[in-house]
Amino acid sequence: MFLPSRPSPSAIARFLDDAEAMSLSYGPIGIARARAVPGFRLDETTAIVGHGDADFGKANAALAAWSHMRLGWLDVFPPAASIETGTTLALLIRHFGVWSLNASRVVYSVEEETGAHSSIGFAYGTLRDHAERGEEIFQLTLNRLTGDVVYTVRAASQPRALLAKLGAPAVRALQARFRRESCEALRRAIASR
């Protein structure tokens, strides 16, 4: 939903209420994990955001608090949304002189443990009232051999709304900006904890 001005808190609450009944705009769940998905672009940004068990714990807490999404021009509603599967949320974005509200739902969590790596995170998928169609994973990995805490943002997406289709190059640039700034936001959140 594209808007000429920032929506009021009550408008965001109504949008979220409507989104609760919406279905996903894509299928199947798990496409962001695939190597290739016909019709979808796969994008990934990976960055070292910390070092050691303490930073891994701080990064996990920051991810659960949506700190990686608080970028000034993008925010999450409700502000204290859970990252548990089934949680519906709204992304409020100011871009290109307009505002947009986009509905998403947490579709699965990531928990993997091997001898050398521990990974945690979650993925959300777009709902019918999102400008894009697809899924995005936010994952933290602690490399136990090097101590590096690695943050990965991986998305499978395609434009859904007409404005997103018409402005595809600008949308792609905004998505790349989001991935870069999300890494920086997580670094800042770890440093401040």
C-alpha atoms as a PDB file:
ATOM      1  CA  MET A   1       0.000   0.000   0.000  1.00  0.00           C
ATOM      2  CA  PHE A   2       1.578   3.276  -1.169  1.00  0.00           C
ATOM      3  CA  LEU A   3       0.687   6.469   0.724  1.00  0.00           C
ATOM      4  CA  PRO A   4       1.462  10.189   0.184  1.00  0.00           C
ATOM      5  CA  SER A   5       2.199  10.761   3.899  1.00  0.00           C
ATOM      6  CA  ARG A   6       3.100   8.792   7.002  1.00  0.00           C
ATOM      7  CA  PRO A   7       0.080   6.767   8.172  1.00  0.00           C
ATOM      8  CA  SER A   8      -1.308   7.411  11.632  1.00  0.00           C
ATOM      9  CA  PRO A   9      -0.894   4.816  14.398  1.00  0.00           C
ATOM     10  CA  SER A  10      -4.579   3.918  14.031  1.00  0.00           C
ATOM     11  CA  ALA A  11      -4.169   3.411  10.251  1.00  0.00           C
ATOM     12  CA  ILE A  12      -1.192   1.118  10.889  1.00  0.00           C
ATOM     13  CA  ALA A  13      -3.241  -0.812  13.481  1.00  0.00           C
ATOM     14  CA  ARG A  14      -6.107  -1.260  10.957  1.00  0.00           C
ATOM     15  CA  PHE A  15      -3.623  -2.397   8.311  1.00  0.00           C
ATOM     16  CA  LEU A  16      -2.212  -4.984  10.733  1.00  0.00           C
ATOM     17  CA  ASP A  17      -5.706  -6.195  11.662  1.00  0.00           C
ATOM     18  CA  ASP A  18      -6.508  -6.713   7.965  1.00  0.00           C
ATOM     19  CA  ALA A  19      -3.154  -8.427   7.378  1.00  0.00           C
ATOM     20  CA  GLU A  20      -3.880 -11.071  10.029  1.00  0.00           C
ATOM     21  CA  ALA A  21      -6.420 -12.654   7.664  1.00  0.00           C
ATOM     22  CA  MET A  22      -4.193 -12.473   4.563  1.00  0.00           C
ATOM     23  CA  SER A  23      -2.486 -15.434   2.995  1.00  0.00           C
ATOM     24  CA  LEU A  24       1.080 -15.532   1.730  1.00  0.00           C
ATOM     25  CA  SER A  25       1.599 -14.067  -1.746  1.00  0.00           C
ATOM     26  CA  TYR A  26       3.995 -16.816  -2.839  1.00  0.00           C
ATOM     27  CA  GLY A  27       4.695 -20.493  -2.344  1.00  0.00           C
ATOM     28  CA  PRO A  28       6.087 -22.784  -1.257  1.00  0.00           C
ATOM     29  CA  ILE A  29       7.524 -21.670   2.065  1.00  0.00           C
ATOM     30  CA  GLY A  30      11.292 -22.082   2.008  1.00  0.00           C
ATOM     31  CA  ILE A  31      12.079 -20.500  -1.376  1.00  0.00           C
ATOM     32  CA  ALA A  32      14.770 -18.254   0.111  1.00  0.00           C
ATOM     33  CA  ARG A  33      16.726 -21.398   1.013  1.00  0.00           C
ATOM     34  CA  ALA A  34      16.724 -22.667  -2.587  1.00  0.00           C
ATOM     35  CA  ARG A  35      19.618 -22.270  -5.010  1.00  0.00           C
ATOM     36  CA  ALA A  36      17.285 -21.073  -7.766  1.00  0.00           C
ATOM     37  CA  VAL A  37      13.576 -20.292  -7.932  1.00  0.00           C
ATOM     38  CA  PRO A  38      12.010 -19.726 -11.359  1.00  0.00           C
ATOM     39  CA  GLY A  39      10.762 -16.149 -11.671  1.00  0.00           C
ATOM     40  CA  PHE A  40      12.390 -14.963  -8.429  1.00  0.00           C
ATOM     41  CA  ARG A  41      15.632 -13.081  -7.910  1.00  0.00           C
ATOM     42  CA  LEU A  42      17.900 -14.423  -5.193  1.00  0.00           C
ATOM     43  CA  ASP A  43      20.007 -11.882  -3.325  1.00  0.00           C
ATOM     44  CA  GLU A  44      22.339 -12.375  -0.384  1.00  0.00           C
ATOM     45  CA  THR A  45      24.502 -10.127   1.735  1.00  0.00           C
ATOM     46  CA  THR A  46      26.801 -11.534   4.393  1.00  0.00           C
ATOM     47  CA  ALA A  47      28.825  -9.546   6.911  1.00  0.00           C
ATOM     48  CA  ILE A  48      30.868 -10.199  10.032  1.00  0.00           C
ATOM     49  CA  VAL A  49      29.054  -8.289  12.785  1.00  0.00           C
ATOM     50  CA  GLY A  50      30.894  -9.455  15.895  1.00  0.00           C
ATOM     51  CA  HIS A  51      33.225 -11.957  17.486  1.00  0.00           C
ATOM     52  CA  GLY A  52      32.718 -14.654  20.093  1.00  0.00           C
ATOM     53  CA  ASP A  53      29.890 -16.097  22.165  1.00  0.00           C
ATOM     54  CA  ALA A  54      29.012 -12.792  23.848  1.00  0.00           C
ATOM     55  CA  ASP A  55      28.525 -10.988  20.530  1.00  0.00           C
ATOM     56  CA  PHE A  56      26.560 -13.964  19.197  1.00  0.00           C
ATOM     57  CA  GLY A  57      24.193 -13.642  22.162  1.00  0.00           C
ATOM     58  CA  LYS A  58      23.927  -9.864  21.709  1.00  0.00           C
ATOM     59  CA  ALA A  59      23.274 -10.303  17.986  1.00  0.00           C
ATOM     60  CA  ASN A  60      20.536 -12.838  18.707  1.00  0.00           C
ATOM     61  CA  ALA A  61      18.867 -10.433  21.152  1.00  0.00           C
ATOM     62  CA  ALA A  62      19.157  -7.594  18.618  1.00  0.00           C
ATOM     63  CA  LEU A  63      17.639  -9.750  15.874  1.00  0.00           C
ATOM     64  CA  ALA A  64      14.737 -10.727  18.157  1.00  0.00           C
ATOM     65  CA  ALA A  65      14.176  -7.004  18.866  1.00  0.00           C
ATOM     66  CA  TRP A  66      14.123  -6.211  15.111  1.00  0.00           C
ATOM     67  CA  SER A  67      17.157  -3.914  15.531  1.00  0.00           C
ATOM     68  CA  HIS A  68      18.323  -4.951  12.058  1.00  0.00           C
ATOM     69  CA  MET A  69      15.153  -3.330  10.617  1.00  0.00           C
ATOM     70  CA  ARG A  70      15.215   0.013  12.442  1.00  0.00           C
ATOM     71  CA  LEU A  71      16.901   2.099   9.793  1.00  0.00           C
ATOM     72  CA  GLY A  72      15.266   5.507  10.056  1.00  0.00           C
ATOM     73  CA  TRP A  73      13.535   5.094   6.707  1.00  0.00           C
ATOM     74  CA  LEU A  74      12.150   1.636   7.589  1.00  0.00           C
ATOM     75  CA  ASP A  75      10.456   0.374  10.732  1.00  0.00           C
ATOM     76  CA  VAL A  76       8.498  -2.633  12.005  1.00  0.00           C
ATOM     77  CA  PHE A  77       5.017  -2.679  13.535  1.00  0.00           C
ATOM     78  CA  PRO A  78       4.098  -3.666  16.088  1.00  0.00           C
ATOM     79  CA  PRO A  79       7.415  -2.384  17.501  1.00  0.00           C
ATOM     80  CA  ALA A  80       7.799  -5.404  19.821  1.00  0.00           C
ATOM     81  CA  ALA A  81       6.669  -8.006  17.278  1.00  0.00           C
ATOM     82  CA  SER A  82       7.646 -11.572  18.091  1.00  0.00           C
ATOM     83  CA  ILE A  83       9.900 -13.502  15.719  1.00  0.00           C
ATOM     84  CA  GLU A  84       7.885 -16.656  16.353  1.00  0.00           C
ATOM     85  CA  THR A  85       6.395 -18.437  13.359  1.00  0.00           C
ATOM     86  CA  GLY A  86       2.952 -17.049  12.548  1.00  0.00           C
ATOM     87  CA  THR A  87       3.609 -13.468  13.697  1.00  0.00           C
ATOM     88  CA  THR A  88       2.158 -10.920  11.278  1.00  0.00           C
ATOM     89  CA  LEU A  89       3.897  -7.573  10.947  1.00  0.00           C
ATOM     90  CA  ALA A  90       3.855  -4.395   8.914  1.00  0.00           C
ATOM     91  CA  LEU A  91       6.923  -2.780   7.423  1.00  0.00           C
ATOM     92  CA  LEU A  92       6.614   0.993   7.161  1.00  0.00           C
ATOM     93  CA  ILE A  93       9.000   2.368   4.545  1.00  0.00           C
ATOM     94  CA  ARG A  94       9.709   5.910   3.372  1.00  0.00           C
ATOM     95  CA  HIS A  95      11.173   5.801  -0.112  1.00  0.00           C
ATOM     96  CA  PHE A  96      11.212   7.912  -3.240  1.00  0.00           C
ATOM     97  CA  GLY A  97       9.120  10.620  -1.546  1.00  0.00           C
ATOM     98  CA  VAL A  98       6.238   8.346  -0.545  1.00  0.00           C
ATOM     99  CA  TRP A  99       5.422   5.934   2.255  1.00  0.00           C
ATOM    100  CA  SER A 100       4.447   2.300   1.949  1.00  0.00           C
ATOM    101  CA  LEU A 101       3.021  -0.273   4.310  1.00  0.00           C
ATOM    102  CA  ASN A 102       3.887  -3.876   3.499  1.00  0.00           C
ATOM    103  CA  ALA A 103       2.478  -6.934   5.241  1.00  0.00           C
ATOM    104  CA  SER A 104       4.653  -9.948   6.103  1.00  0.00           C
ATOM    105  CA  ARG A 105       4.482 -12.999   8.336  1.00  0.00           C
ATOM    106  CA  VAL A 106       7.231 -14.949  10.102  1.00  0.00           C
ATOM    107  CA  VAL A 107       7.183 -18.325   8.338  1.00  0.00           C
ATOM    108  CA  TYR A 108       9.943 -20.342  10.021  1.00  0.00           C
ATOM    109  CA  SER A 109      12.845 -20.188  12.419  1.00  0.00           C
ATOM    110  CA  VAL A 110      16.437 -21.210  11.763  1.00  0.00           C
ATOM    111  CA  GLU A 111      18.291 -23.290  14.334  1.00  0.00           C
ATOM    112  CA  GLU A 112      21.248 -25.329  13.177  1.00  0.00           C
ATOM    113  CA  GLU A 113      24.112 -26.764  15.165  1.00  0.00           C
ATOM    114  CA  THR A 114      27.207 -28.493  13.797  1.00  0.00           C
ATOM    115  CA  GLY A 115      30.555 -29.016  15.433  1.00  0.00           C
ATOM    116  CA  ALA A 116      31.983 -25.862  13.860  1.00  0.00           C
ATOM    117  CA  HIS A 117      28.903 -23.627  13.508  1.00  0.00           C
ATOM    118  CA  SER A 118      25.829 -22.512  15.412  1.00  0.00           C
ATOM    119  CA  SER A 119      23.105 -20.719  13.441  1.00  0.00           C
ATOM    120  CA  ILE A 120      19.915 -18.996  14.555  1.00  0.00           C
ATOM    121  CA  GLY A 121      17.433 -16.703  12.885  1.00  0.00           C
ATOM    122  CA  PHE A 122      14.104 -16.586  11.128  1.00  0.00           C
ATOM    123  CA  ALA A 123      12.427 -15.909   7.803  1.00  0.00           C
ATOM    124  CA  TYR A 124       9.387 -13.928   6.880  1.00  0.00           C
ATOM    125  CA  GLY A 125       7.222 -14.163   3.805  1.00  0.00           C
ATOM    126  CA  THR A 126       5.212 -11.507   2.045  1.00  0.00           C
ATOM    127  CA  LEU A 127       1.452 -11.321   2.307  1.00  0.00           C
ATOM    128  CA  ARG A 128      -0.952 -10.219  -0.450  1.00  0.00           C
ATOM    129  CA  ASP A 129      -0.675  -6.545   0.562  1.00  0.00           C
ATOM    130  CA  HIS A 130       3.107  -6.310   0.050  1.00  0.00           C
ATOM    131  CA  ALA A 131       4.694  -4.500  -2.923  1.00  0.00           C
ATOM    132  CA  GLU A 132       6.982  -7.508  -3.469  1.00  0.00           C
ATOM    133  CA  ARG A 133       6.367 -11.241  -3.452  1.00  0.00           C
ATOM    134  CA  GLY A 134       8.792 -13.594  -1.734  1.00  0.00           C
ATOM    135  CA  GLU A 135      10.690 -14.552   1.384  1.00  0.00           C
ATOM    136  CA  GLU A 136      13.633 -13.199   3.357  1.00  0.00           C
ATOM    137  CA  ILE A 137      15.907 -14.963   5.847  1.00  0.00           C
ATOM    138  CA  PHE A 138      17.781 -13.182   8.642  1.00  0.00           C
ATOM    139  CA  GLN A 139      20.404 -15.569  10.000  1.00  0.00           C
ATOM    140  CA  LEU A 140      23.286 -15.359  12.461  1.00  0.00           C
ATOM    141  CA  THR A 141      26.089 -17.901  12.434  1.00  0.00           C
ATOM    142  CA  LEU A 142      28.835 -18.306  15.009  1.00  0.00           C
ATOM    143  CA  ASN A 143      31.904 -19.875  13.424  1.00  0.00           C
ATOM    144  CA  ARG A 144      33.413 -21.722  16.375  1.00  0.00           C
ATOM    145  CA  LEU A 145      36.767 -22.091  14.602  1.00  0.00           C
ATOM    146  CA  THR A 146      37.325 -18.359  13.964  1.00  0.00           C
ATOM    147  CA  GLY A 147      34.910 -16.876  16.510  1.00  0.00           C
ATOM    148  CA  ASP A 148      33.306 -14.732  13.800  1.00  0.00           C
ATOM    149  CA  VAL A 149      29.618 -13.843  14.150  1.00  0.00           C
ATOM    150  CA  VAL A 150      28.271 -13.701  10.611  1.00  0.00           C
ATOM    151  CA  TYR A 151      24.952 -12.093   9.657  1.00  0.00           C
ATOM    152  CA  THR A 152      23.292 -13.185   6.427  1.00  0.00           C
ATOM    153  CA  VAL A 153      20.296 -11.583   4.729  1.00  0.00           C
ATOM    154  CA  ARG A 154      19.018 -13.786   1.898  1.00  0.00           C
ATOM    155  CA  ALA A 155      15.928 -13.026  -0.171  1.00  0.00           C
ATOM    156  CA  ALA A 156      13.948 -14.561  -3.005  1.00  0.00           C
ATOM    157  CA  SER A 157      11.749 -11.834  -4.474  1.00  0.00           C
ATOM    158  CA  GLN A 158       9.824 -10.519  -7.433  1.00  0.00           C
ATOM    159  CA  PRO A 159       7.767  -7.344  -7.834  1.00  0.00           C
ATOM    160  CA  ARG A 160       4.027  -7.760  -7.190  1.00  0.00           C
ATOM    161  CA  ALA A 161       2.553  -4.235  -7.169  1.00  0.00           C
ATOM    162  CA  LEU A 162       2.416  -2.282 -10.442  1.00  0.00           C
ATOM    163  CA  LEU A 163       4.599   0.528  -9.046  1.00  0.00           C
ATOM    164  CA  ALA A 164       7.199  -2.046  -7.950  1.00  0.00           C
ATOM    165  CA  LYS A 165       7.181  -3.560 -11.446  1.00  0.00           C
ATOM    166  CA  LEU A 166       7.456  -0.177 -13.186  1.00  0.00           C
ATOM    167  CA  GLY A 167      10.214   0.969 -10.845  1.00  0.00           C
ATOM    168  CA  ALA A 168      12.106  -2.339 -10.745  1.00  0.00           C
ATOM    169  CA  PRO A 169      15.643  -0.846 -11.033  1.00  0.00           C
ATOM    170  CA  ALA A 170      14.930   1.613  -8.202  1.00  0.00           C
ATOM    171  CA  VAL A 171      13.349  -1.150  -6.112  1.00  0.00           C
ATOM    172  CA  ARG A 172      16.419  -3.356  -6.642  1.00  0.00           C
ATOM    173  CA  ALA A 173      18.656  -0.496  -5.486  1.00  0.00           C
ATOM    174  CA  LEU A 174      16.474  -0.006  -2.390  1.00  0.00           C
ATOM    175  CA  GLN A 175      16.684  -3.740  -1.602  1.00  0.00           C
ATOM    176  CA  ALA A 176      20.503  -3.628  -1.852  1.00  0.00           C
ATOM    177  CA  ARG A 177      20.553  -0.544   0.388  1.00  0.00           C
ATOM    178  CA  PHE A 178      18.378  -2.366   2.919  1.00  0.00           C
ATOM    179  CA  ARG A 179      20.733  -5.361   3.066  1.00  0.00           C
ATOM    180  CA  ARG A 180      23.818  -3.131   3.578  1.00  0.00           C
ATOM    181  CA  GLU A 181      22.173  -0.932   6.194  1.00  0.00           C
ATOM    182  CA  SER A 182      20.682  -3.915   7.997  1.00  0.00           C
ATOM    183  CA  CYS A 183      24.215  -5.241   8.545  1.00  0.00           C
ATOM    184  CA  GLU A 184      25.327  -1.869   9.906  1.00  0.00           C
ATOM    185  CA  ALA A 185      22.265  -1.603  12.161  1.00  0.00           C
ATOM    186  CA  LEU A 186      23.023  -5.016  13.650  1.00  0.00           C
ATOM    187  CA  ARG A 187      26.665  -4.033  14.261  1.00  0.00           C
ATOM    188  CA  ARG A 188      25.515  -0.885  16.070  1.00  0.00           C
ATOM    189  CA  ALA A 189      22.995  -2.834  18.130  1.00  0.00           C
ATOM    190  CA  ILE A 190      25.669  -5.308  19.256  1.00  0.00           C
ATOM    191  CA  ALA A 191      28.062  -2.486  20.192  1.00  0.00           C
ATOM    192  CA  SER A 192      25.384  -0.741  22.256  1.00  0.00           C
ATOM    193  CA  ARG A 193      24.375  -3.819  24.292  1.00  0.00           C
END
